[in-house]
Amino acid sequence: MHAPVVFIHGLIGTLQLPELSAAFVPGRFLAPDLLGYGALRQVSAEAIDLPAQVAHLHRVIEAQFPGEAVHLLGHSVGGAVAMLFAQAHGERVRSLVSVEGNFSLDDAFWSAAVARMSVLEAEAMLDGFRADPAAWLTRAGVAVDARSLGIAERWLAQQPASTLQAMARSVVALTAPDSYRDRLRRVFADHPVHLLAGARSRGGWHVPAWAERAAASQTLIEGSGHLMMLEQPQAFLAAVKRVLQLA
């Protein structure tokens, strides 16, 4: 039986999507809510930052897959969580897939904007997204249909604005220093790291040259941007299973 696969969602939403869970062996796939999201949305913003998410993820993985090493996939901000988890708990990681994960502040421009907002500004922003999820999808380059609109509505309801701000501020604080790049280099040296991107959004993903050289693989999902698991779920899943050799 293959190693468990754990998906870590980004700043907004969840990766608890039917297409994803159905693609893996039952009981060997996990897409947990991070602190402040979904079932855990009531967690205080004061208790939320990237190190807290790493500790939470470790507890969840240990409870679900005690003693096992897992394949870890992180999308966007979830990619930073995945990298920090691998640096802290390397023995629990068999491989990583960074789906346009944050390498530096260049990849956190939206987080930086949210981090600078007042509480009222952040709440107004999220309320605006929720009032018109179709427009939110369109700005992300995603075609609007019944499926994508339903997912967008769920994603936008998944977290309060206070969670977004707490996560955004932690992303800015932790990914700005050169020490973060040093941690990433250690993860690449110790684990197979696969890079996965949407064809439309790859040009805006600031992967350093050393990471491209060290990556176990690099994959582009055609016909998609940053939200490739929403736009092209089957192509996304096929790519993930191929790089993890689960196909």
C-alpha atoms as a PDB file:
ATOM      1  CA  MET A   1       0.000   0.000   0.000  1.00  0.00           C
ATOM      2  CA  HIS A   2       1.316   3.422  -0.939  1.00  0.00           C
ATOM      3  CA  ALA A   3       2.279   6.084   1.562  1.00  0.00           C
ATOM      4  CA  PRO A   4      -0.516   8.429   2.692  1.00  0.00           C
ATOM      5  CA  VAL A   5      -1.063  11.627   0.719  1.00  0.00           C
ATOM      6  CA  VAL A   6      -1.782  14.862   2.619  1.00  0.00           C
ATOM      7  CA  PHE A   7      -2.995  18.003   0.828  1.00  0.00           C
ATOM      8  CA  ILE A   8      -2.542  21.417   2.478  1.00  0.00           C
ATOM      9  CA  HIS A   9      -4.820  24.200   1.263  1.00  0.00           C
ATOM     10  CA  GLY A  10      -3.834  27.803   0.603  1.00  0.00           C
ATOM     11  CA  LEU A  11      -4.827  31.136   2.103  1.00  0.00           C
ATOM     12  CA  ILE A  12      -8.473  30.764   1.064  1.00  0.00           C
ATOM     13  CA  GLY A  13     -10.570  27.630   0.929  1.00  0.00           C
ATOM     14  CA  THR A  14     -10.085  23.897   1.283  1.00  0.00           C
ATOM     15  CA  LEU A  15      -8.825  20.951  -0.743  1.00  0.00           C
ATOM     16  CA  GLN A  16     -11.637  18.744   0.523  1.00  0.00           C
ATOM     17  CA  LEU A  17     -12.976  18.256  -2.990  1.00  0.00           C
ATOM     18  CA  PRO A  18     -14.784  15.075  -4.103  1.00  0.00           C
ATOM     19  CA  GLU A  19     -12.567  14.634  -7.169  1.00  0.00           C
ATOM     20  CA  LEU A  20      -9.467  14.646  -4.988  1.00  0.00           C
ATOM     21  CA  SER A  21     -10.550  12.249  -2.273  1.00  0.00           C
ATOM     22  CA  ALA A  22     -12.028   9.818  -4.823  1.00  0.00           C
ATOM     23  CA  ALA A  23      -8.704   9.582  -6.658  1.00  0.00           C
ATOM     24  CA  PHE A  24      -6.786   7.977  -3.791  1.00  0.00           C
ATOM     25  CA  VAL A  25      -7.030   4.773  -1.797  1.00  0.00           C
ATOM     26  CA  PRO A  26      -9.700   5.208   0.912  1.00  0.00           C
ATOM     27  CA  GLY A  27      -8.138   6.034   4.243  1.00  0.00           C
ATOM     28  CA  ARG A  28      -4.822   7.032   2.648  1.00  0.00           C
ATOM     29  CA  PHE A  29      -5.753  10.586   1.677  1.00  0.00           C
ATOM     30  CA  LEU A  30      -6.186  13.589   3.961  1.00  0.00           C
ATOM     31  CA  ALA A  31      -7.005  17.246   3.266  1.00  0.00           C
ATOM     32  CA  PRO A  32      -7.292  18.695   6.770  1.00  0.00           C
ATOM     33  CA  ASP A  33      -8.613  22.085   7.751  1.00  0.00           C
ATOM     34  CA  LEU A  34      -5.837  24.317   9.002  1.00  0.00           C
ATOM     35  CA  LEU A  35      -6.369  26.351  12.166  1.00  0.00           C
ATOM     36  CA  GLY A  36      -8.980  29.045  11.525  1.00  0.00           C
ATOM     37  CA  TYR A  37     -10.597  27.206   8.611  1.00  0.00           C
ATOM     38  CA  GLY A  38     -13.687  25.052   8.174  1.00  0.00           C
ATOM     39  CA  ALA A  39     -14.410  23.048  11.307  1.00  0.00           C
ATOM     40  CA  LEU A  40     -11.643  25.033  13.040  1.00  0.00           C
ATOM     41  CA  ARG A  41     -12.779  28.504  11.920  1.00  0.00           C
ATOM     42  CA  GLN A  42     -13.466  29.547  15.540  1.00  0.00           C
ATOM     43  CA  VAL A  43      -9.775  29.321  16.482  1.00  0.00           C
ATOM     44  CA  SER A  44      -8.629  32.749  17.636  1.00  0.00           C
ATOM     45  CA  ALA A  45      -6.492  34.738  15.206  1.00  0.00           C
ATOM     46  CA  GLU A  46      -3.979  35.240  18.026  1.00  0.00           C
ATOM     47  CA  ALA A  47      -3.329  31.477  17.943  1.00  0.00           C
ATOM     48  CA  ILE A  48      -2.772  31.326  14.169  1.00  0.00           C
ATOM     49  CA  ASP A  49       0.559  31.563  12.375  1.00  0.00           C
ATOM     50  CA  LEU A  50       2.637  29.264  10.187  1.00  0.00           C
ATOM     51  CA  PRO A  51       4.488  27.533  13.070  1.00  0.00           C
ATOM     52  CA  ALA A  52       1.130  26.865  14.762  1.00  0.00           C
ATOM     53  CA  GLN A  53      -0.153  25.354  11.511  1.00  0.00           C
ATOM     54  CA  VAL A  54       2.913  23.102  11.335  1.00  0.00           C
ATOM     55  CA  ALA A  55       2.298  21.897  14.900  1.00  0.00           C
ATOM     56  CA  HIS A  56      -1.398  21.358  14.113  1.00  0.00           C
ATOM     57  CA  LEU A  57      -0.562  19.433  10.954  1.00  0.00           C
ATOM     58  CA  HIS A  58       1.865  17.236  12.864  1.00  0.00           C
ATOM     59  CA  ARG A  59      -0.845  16.354  15.391  1.00  0.00           C
ATOM     60  CA  VAL A  60      -3.325  15.540  12.635  1.00  0.00           C
ATOM     61  CA  ILE A  61      -0.885  13.362  10.684  1.00  0.00           C
ATOM     62  CA  GLU A  62       0.235  11.540  13.811  1.00  0.00           C
ATOM     63  CA  ALA A  63      -3.377  10.820  14.765  1.00  0.00           C
ATOM     64  CA  GLN A  64      -4.347   9.635  11.281  1.00  0.00           C
ATOM     65  CA  PHE A  65      -1.127   7.923  10.177  1.00  0.00           C
ATOM     66  CA  PRO A  66       0.896   7.174  13.331  1.00  0.00           C
ATOM     67  CA  GLY A  67       4.580   6.717  12.616  1.00  0.00           C
ATOM     68  CA  GLU A  68       4.188   6.858   8.827  1.00  0.00           C
ATOM     69  CA  ALA A  69       5.988   9.106   6.372  1.00  0.00           C
ATOM     70  CA  VAL A  70       3.575  10.880   4.024  1.00  0.00           C
ATOM     71  CA  HIS A  71       3.578  12.511   0.626  1.00  0.00           C
ATOM     72  CA  LEU A  72       2.884  16.181   1.363  1.00  0.00           C
ATOM     73  CA  LEU A  73       1.293  18.542  -1.166  1.00  0.00           C
ATOM     74  CA  GLY A  74       0.937  22.245  -0.434  1.00  0.00           C
ATOM     75  CA  HIS A  75      -0.856  24.805  -2.575  1.00  0.00           C
ATOM     76  CA  SER A  76       0.233  28.469  -2.481  1.00  0.00           C
ATOM     77  CA  VAL A  77       0.560  29.442   1.209  1.00  0.00           C
ATOM     78  CA  GLY A  78       0.058  25.748   1.942  1.00  0.00           C
ATOM     79  CA  GLY A  79       3.324  25.201   0.098  1.00  0.00           C
ATOM     80  CA  ALA A  80       5.108  27.282   2.719  1.00  0.00           C
ATOM     81  CA  VAL A  81       3.411  25.256   5.476  1.00  0.00           C
ATOM     82  CA  ALA A  82       4.537  22.040   3.763  1.00  0.00           C
ATOM     83  CA  MET A  83       8.136  23.226   3.510  1.00  0.00           C
ATOM     84  CA  LEU A  84       8.245  24.311   7.149  1.00  0.00           C
ATOM     85  CA  PHE A  85       6.698  20.977   8.179  1.00  0.00           C
ATOM     86  CA  ALA A  86       9.348  19.053   6.254  1.00  0.00           C
ATOM     87  CA  GLN A  87      12.087  21.133   7.837  1.00  0.00           C
ATOM     88  CA  ALA A  88      10.711  20.482  11.335  1.00  0.00           C
ATOM     89  CA  HIS A  89       9.569  16.866  10.881  1.00  0.00           C
ATOM     90  CA  GLY A  90      11.631  15.550   8.005  1.00  0.00           C
ATOM     91  CA  GLU A  91      11.270  11.931   9.074  1.00  0.00           C
ATOM     92  CA  ARG A  92       7.509  12.148   8.507  1.00  0.00           C
ATOM     93  CA  VAL A  93       7.827  13.304   4.877  1.00  0.00           C
ATOM     94  CA  ARG A  94       8.457  10.929   1.990  1.00  0.00           C
ATOM     95  CA  SER A  95       8.206  13.608  -0.694  1.00  0.00           C
ATOM     96  CA  LEU A  96       6.729  17.055  -1.318  1.00  0.00           C
ATOM     97  CA  VAL A  97       4.739  18.611  -4.124  1.00  0.00           C
ATOM     98  CA  SER A  98       4.852  22.412  -4.166  1.00  0.00           C
ATOM     99  CA  VAL A  99       1.851  23.685  -6.127  1.00  0.00           C
ATOM    100  CA  GLU A 100       2.957  27.266  -6.757  1.00  0.00           C
ATOM    101  CA  GLY A 101       4.061  27.400  -3.124  1.00  0.00           C
ATOM    102  CA  ASN A 102       5.619  30.534  -1.649  1.00  0.00           C
ATOM    103  CA  PHE A 103       9.362  30.833  -2.152  1.00  0.00           C
ATOM    104  CA  SER A 104       9.695  34.500  -1.194  1.00  0.00           C
ATOM    105  CA  LEU A 105       7.763  37.716  -0.694  1.00  0.00           C
ATOM    106  CA  ASP A 106       7.528  37.929  -4.498  1.00  0.00           C
ATOM    107  CA  ASP A 107       5.066  35.025  -4.250  1.00  0.00           C
ATOM    108  CA  ALA A 108       3.206  36.619  -1.347  1.00  0.00           C
ATOM    109  CA  PHE A 109       2.112  39.888  -2.933  1.00  0.00           C
ATOM    110  CA  TRP A 110      -1.537  39.268  -2.073  1.00  0.00           C
ATOM    111  CA  SER A 111      -0.661  38.140   1.455  1.00  0.00           C
ATOM    112  CA  ALA A 112       1.376  41.321   1.861  1.00  0.00           C
ATOM    113  CA  ALA A 113      -1.611  43.415   0.783  1.00  0.00           C
ATOM    114  CA  VAL A 114      -3.943  41.616   3.211  1.00  0.00           C
ATOM    115  CA  ALA A 115      -1.383  41.927   6.011  1.00  0.00           C
ATOM    116  CA  ARG A 116      -1.393  45.719   5.628  1.00  0.00           C
ATOM    117  CA  MET A 117      -5.178  46.033   5.829  1.00  0.00           C
ATOM    118  CA  SER A 118      -7.112  47.112   8.888  1.00  0.00           C
ATOM    119  CA  VAL A 119      -9.576  44.615  10.340  1.00  0.00           C
ATOM    120  CA  LEU A 120     -12.475  46.514   8.776  1.00  0.00           C
ATOM    121  CA  GLU A 121     -10.754  46.608   5.377  1.00  0.00           C
ATOM    122  CA  ALA A 122     -10.100  42.861   5.446  1.00  0.00           C
ATOM    123  CA  GLU A 123     -13.691  42.123   6.417  1.00  0.00           C
ATOM    124  CA  ALA A 124     -15.005  44.397   3.671  1.00  0.00           C
ATOM    125  CA  MET A 125     -12.753  42.683   1.112  1.00  0.00           C
ATOM    126  CA  LEU A 126     -13.976  39.204   2.049  1.00  0.00           C
ATOM    127  CA  ASP A 127     -17.595  40.343   2.202  1.00  0.00           C
ATOM    128  CA  GLY A 128     -17.189  41.729  -1.315  1.00  0.00           C
ATOM    129  CA  PHE A 129     -15.825  38.408  -2.586  1.00  0.00           C
ATOM    130  CA  ARG A 130     -18.715  36.538  -0.969  1.00  0.00           C
ATOM    131  CA  ALA A 131     -21.275  38.912  -2.435  1.00  0.00           C
ATOM    132  CA  ASP A 132     -20.060  38.184  -5.967  1.00  0.00           C
ATOM    133  CA  PRO A 133     -18.180  34.857  -6.137  1.00  0.00           C
ATOM    134  CA  ALA A 134     -18.514  34.816  -9.919  1.00  0.00           C
ATOM    135  CA  ALA A 135     -16.459  38.007 -10.141  1.00  0.00           C
ATOM    136  CA  TRP A 136     -13.883  36.496  -7.767  1.00  0.00           C
ATOM    137  CA  LEU A 137     -13.558  33.477 -10.066  1.00  0.00           C
ATOM    138  CA  THR A 138     -13.298  35.660 -13.138  1.00  0.00           C
ATOM    139  CA  ARG A 139     -10.458  37.698 -11.613  1.00  0.00           C
ATOM    140  CA  ALA A 140      -8.670  34.404 -10.951  1.00  0.00           C
ATOM    141  CA  GLY A 141      -9.119  33.422 -14.592  1.00  0.00           C
ATOM    142  CA  VAL A 142     -11.539  30.595 -13.786  1.00  0.00           C
ATOM    143  CA  ALA A 143     -14.541  29.928 -16.029  1.00  0.00           C
ATOM    144  CA  VAL A 144     -17.791  30.376 -14.136  1.00  0.00           C
ATOM    145  CA  ASP A 145     -20.214  27.439 -14.178  1.00  0.00           C
ATOM    146  CA  ALA A 146     -22.385  25.713 -11.597  1.00  0.00           C
ATOM    147  CA  ARG A 147     -19.509  23.594 -10.285  1.00  0.00           C
ATOM    148  CA  SER A 148     -16.910  26.348  -9.994  1.00  0.00           C
ATOM    149  CA  LEU A 149     -19.439  28.745  -8.502  1.00  0.00           C
ATOM    150  CA  GLY A 150     -20.419  26.221  -5.817  1.00  0.00           C
ATOM    151  CA  ILE A 151     -16.781  25.610  -4.932  1.00  0.00           C
ATOM    152  CA  ALA A 152     -16.051  29.348  -4.818  1.00  0.00           C
ATOM    153  CA  GLU A 153     -18.970  29.955  -2.470  1.00  0.00           C
ATOM    154  CA  ARG A 154     -17.700  27.209  -0.160  1.00  0.00           C
ATOM    155  CA  TRP A 155     -14.108  28.417  -0.272  1.00  0.00           C
ATOM    156  CA  LEU A 156     -15.055  31.981   0.518  1.00  0.00           C
ATOM    157  CA  ALA A 157     -17.165  30.847   3.483  1.00  0.00           C
ATOM    158  CA  GLN A 158     -14.395  28.600   4.786  1.00  0.00           C
ATOM    159  CA  GLN A 159     -12.585  31.217   6.907  1.00  0.00           C
ATOM    160  CA  PRO A 160     -13.178  34.590   8.571  1.00  0.00           C
ATOM    161  CA  ALA A 161     -11.203  37.653   7.582  1.00  0.00           C
ATOM    162  CA  SER A 162      -9.283  37.446  10.867  1.00  0.00           C
ATOM    163  CA  THR A 163      -7.804  34.103   9.770  1.00  0.00           C
ATOM    164  CA  LEU A 164      -6.716  35.563   6.438  1.00  0.00           C
ATOM    165  CA  GLN A 165      -4.966  38.433   8.170  1.00  0.00           C
ATOM    166  CA  ALA A 166      -3.239  36.223  10.744  1.00  0.00           C
ATOM    167  CA  MET A 167      -1.968  33.892   8.036  1.00  0.00           C
ATOM    168  CA  ALA A 168      -0.968  36.731   5.708  1.00  0.00           C
ATOM    169  CA  ARG A 169       1.033  38.487   8.413  1.00  0.00           C
ATOM    170  CA  SER A 170       2.820  35.265   9.320  1.00  0.00           C
ATOM    171  CA  VAL A 171       3.619  34.540   5.677  1.00  0.00           C
ATOM    172  CA  VAL A 172       5.192  37.977   5.297  1.00  0.00           C
ATOM    173  CA  ALA A 173       7.150  37.676   8.548  1.00  0.00           C
ATOM    174  CA  LEU A 174       8.489  34.179   7.871  1.00  0.00           C
ATOM    175  CA  THR A 175       9.185  34.224   4.132  1.00  0.00           C
ATOM    176  CA  ALA A 176      10.961  37.600   4.023  1.00  0.00           C
ATOM    177  CA  PRO A 177      14.225  36.655   5.804  1.00  0.00           C
ATOM    178  CA  ASP A 178      17.045  34.855   4.000  1.00  0.00           C
ATOM    179  CA  SER A 179      16.776  32.173   6.678  1.00  0.00           C
ATOM    180  CA  TYR A 180      13.571  30.965   4.999  1.00  0.00           C
ATOM    181  CA  ARG A 181      15.474  30.316   1.759  1.00  0.00           C
ATOM    182  CA  ASP A 182      18.101  28.441   3.801  1.00  0.00           C
ATOM    183  CA  ARG A 183      15.370  26.239   5.233  1.00  0.00           C
ATOM    184  CA  LEU A 184      13.998  25.577   1.763  1.00  0.00           C
ATOM    185  CA  ARG A 185      17.431  24.538   0.521  1.00  0.00           C
ATOM    186  CA  ARG A 186      17.690  22.003   3.340  1.00  0.00           C
ATOM    187  CA  VAL A 187      14.300  20.542   2.470  1.00  0.00           C
ATOM    188  CA  PHE A 188      15.286  20.195  -1.198  1.00  0.00           C
ATOM    189  CA  ALA A 189      18.540  18.530  -0.152  1.00  0.00           C
ATOM    190  CA  ASP A 190      16.775  16.008   2.091  1.00  0.00           C
ATOM    191  CA  HIS A 191      13.594  15.169   0.137  1.00  0.00           C
ATOM    192  CA  PRO A 192      12.312  14.767  -3.418  1.00  0.00           C
ATOM    193  CA  VAL A 193      10.486  18.045  -4.150  1.00  0.00           C
ATOM    194  CA  HIS A 194       8.206  18.264  -7.186  1.00  0.00           C
ATOM    195  CA  LEU A 195       7.157  21.628  -8.647  1.00  0.00           C
ATOM    196  CA  LEU A 196       3.651  21.882 -10.103  1.00  0.00           C
ATOM    197  CA  ALA A 197       2.182  24.992 -11.747  1.00  0.00           C
ATOM    198  CA  GLY A 198      -0.595  26.199 -13.997  1.00  0.00           C
ATOM    199  CA  ALA A 199       0.581  27.082 -17.490  1.00  0.00           C
ATOM    200  CA  ARG A 200      -0.984  30.547 -17.274  1.00  0.00           C
ATOM    201  CA  SER A 201       0.389  31.365 -13.823  1.00  0.00           C
ATOM    202  CA  ARG A 202       3.872  29.783 -13.976  1.00  0.00           C
ATOM    203  CA  GLY A 203       5.443  33.041 -15.157  1.00  0.00           C
ATOM    204  CA  GLY A 204       4.374  34.722 -11.925  1.00  0.00           C
ATOM    205  CA  TRP A 205       5.767  31.970  -9.701  1.00  0.00           C
ATOM    206  CA  HIS A 206       9.202  33.090  -8.529  1.00  0.00           C
ATOM    207  CA  VAL A 207      11.038  29.783  -8.317  1.00  0.00           C
ATOM    208  CA  PRO A 208      14.748  30.438  -7.803  1.00  0.00           C
ATOM    209  CA  ALA A 209      17.202  28.843 -10.220  1.00  0.00           C
ATOM    210  CA  TRP A 210      18.689  26.637  -7.522  1.00  0.00           C
ATOM    211  CA  ALA A 211      15.235  25.166  -6.761  1.00  0.00           C
ATOM    212  CA  GLU A 212      14.604  24.420 -10.437  1.00  0.00           C
ATOM    213  CA  ARG A 213      17.927  22.576 -10.596  1.00  0.00           C
ATOM    214  CA  ALA A 214      17.266  20.661  -7.380  1.00  0.00           C
ATOM    215  CA  ALA A 215      13.629  19.747  -8.096  1.00  0.00           C
ATOM    216  CA  ALA A 216      12.783  16.093  -8.625  1.00  0.00           C
ATOM    217  CA  SER A 217      10.392  17.150 -11.378  1.00  0.00           C
ATOM    218  CA  GLN A 218       8.616  20.176 -12.874  1.00  0.00           C
ATOM    219  CA  THR A 219       5.113  19.954 -14.336  1.00  0.00           C
ATOM    220  CA  LEU A 220       2.836  22.453 -16.074  1.00  0.00           C
ATOM    221  CA  ILE A 221      -0.938  21.972 -16.110  1.00  0.00           C
ATOM    222  CA  GLU A 222      -2.133  23.255 -19.463  1.00  0.00           C
ATOM    223  CA  GLY A 223      -5.245  25.385 -19.656  1.00  0.00           C
ATOM    224  CA  SER A 224      -5.082  26.477 -16.039  1.00  0.00           C
ATOM    225  CA  GLY A 225      -3.779  29.103 -13.691  1.00  0.00           C
ATOM    226  CA  HIS A 226      -3.162  29.234  -9.951  1.00  0.00           C
ATOM    227  CA  LEU A 227      -6.421  27.433  -9.096  1.00  0.00           C
ATOM    228  CA  MET A 228      -5.649  24.437 -11.282  1.00  0.00           C
ATOM    229  CA  MET A 229      -7.374  21.925  -8.998  1.00  0.00           C
ATOM    230  CA  LEU A 230     -10.588  23.849  -9.642  1.00  0.00           C
ATOM    231  CA  GLU A 231     -10.059  24.495 -13.361  1.00  0.00           C
ATOM    232  CA  GLN A 232      -8.519  21.196 -14.478  1.00  0.00           C
ATOM    233  CA  PRO A 233      -9.090  18.692 -11.642  1.00  0.00           C
ATOM    234  CA  GLN A 234      -8.417  15.558 -13.677  1.00  0.00           C
ATOM    235  CA  ALA A 235      -5.218  16.898 -15.238  1.00  0.00           C
ATOM    236  CA  PHE A 236      -4.115  18.134 -11.823  1.00  0.00           C
ATOM    237  CA  LEU A 237      -4.741  14.738 -10.226  1.00  0.00           C
ATOM    238  CA  ALA A 238      -3.033  12.873 -13.047  1.00  0.00           C
ATOM    239  CA  ALA A 239       0.056  15.053 -12.616  1.00  0.00           C
ATOM    240  CA  VAL A 240       0.114  14.572  -8.845  1.00  0.00           C
ATOM    241  CA  LYS A 241      -0.261  10.804  -9.092  1.00  0.00           C
ATOM    242  CA  ARG A 242       2.407  10.645 -11.798  1.00  0.00           C
ATOM    243  CA  VAL A 243       5.056  12.540  -9.829  1.00  0.00           C
ATOM    244  CA  LEU A 244       4.258  10.531  -6.700  1.00  0.00           C
ATOM    245  CA  GLN A 245       4.352   7.345  -8.790  1.00  0.00           C
ATOM    246  CA  LEU A 246       0.839   6.420  -7.708  1.00  0.00           C
ATOM    247  CA  ALA A 247      -0.717   6.210 -11.184  1.00  0.00           C
END
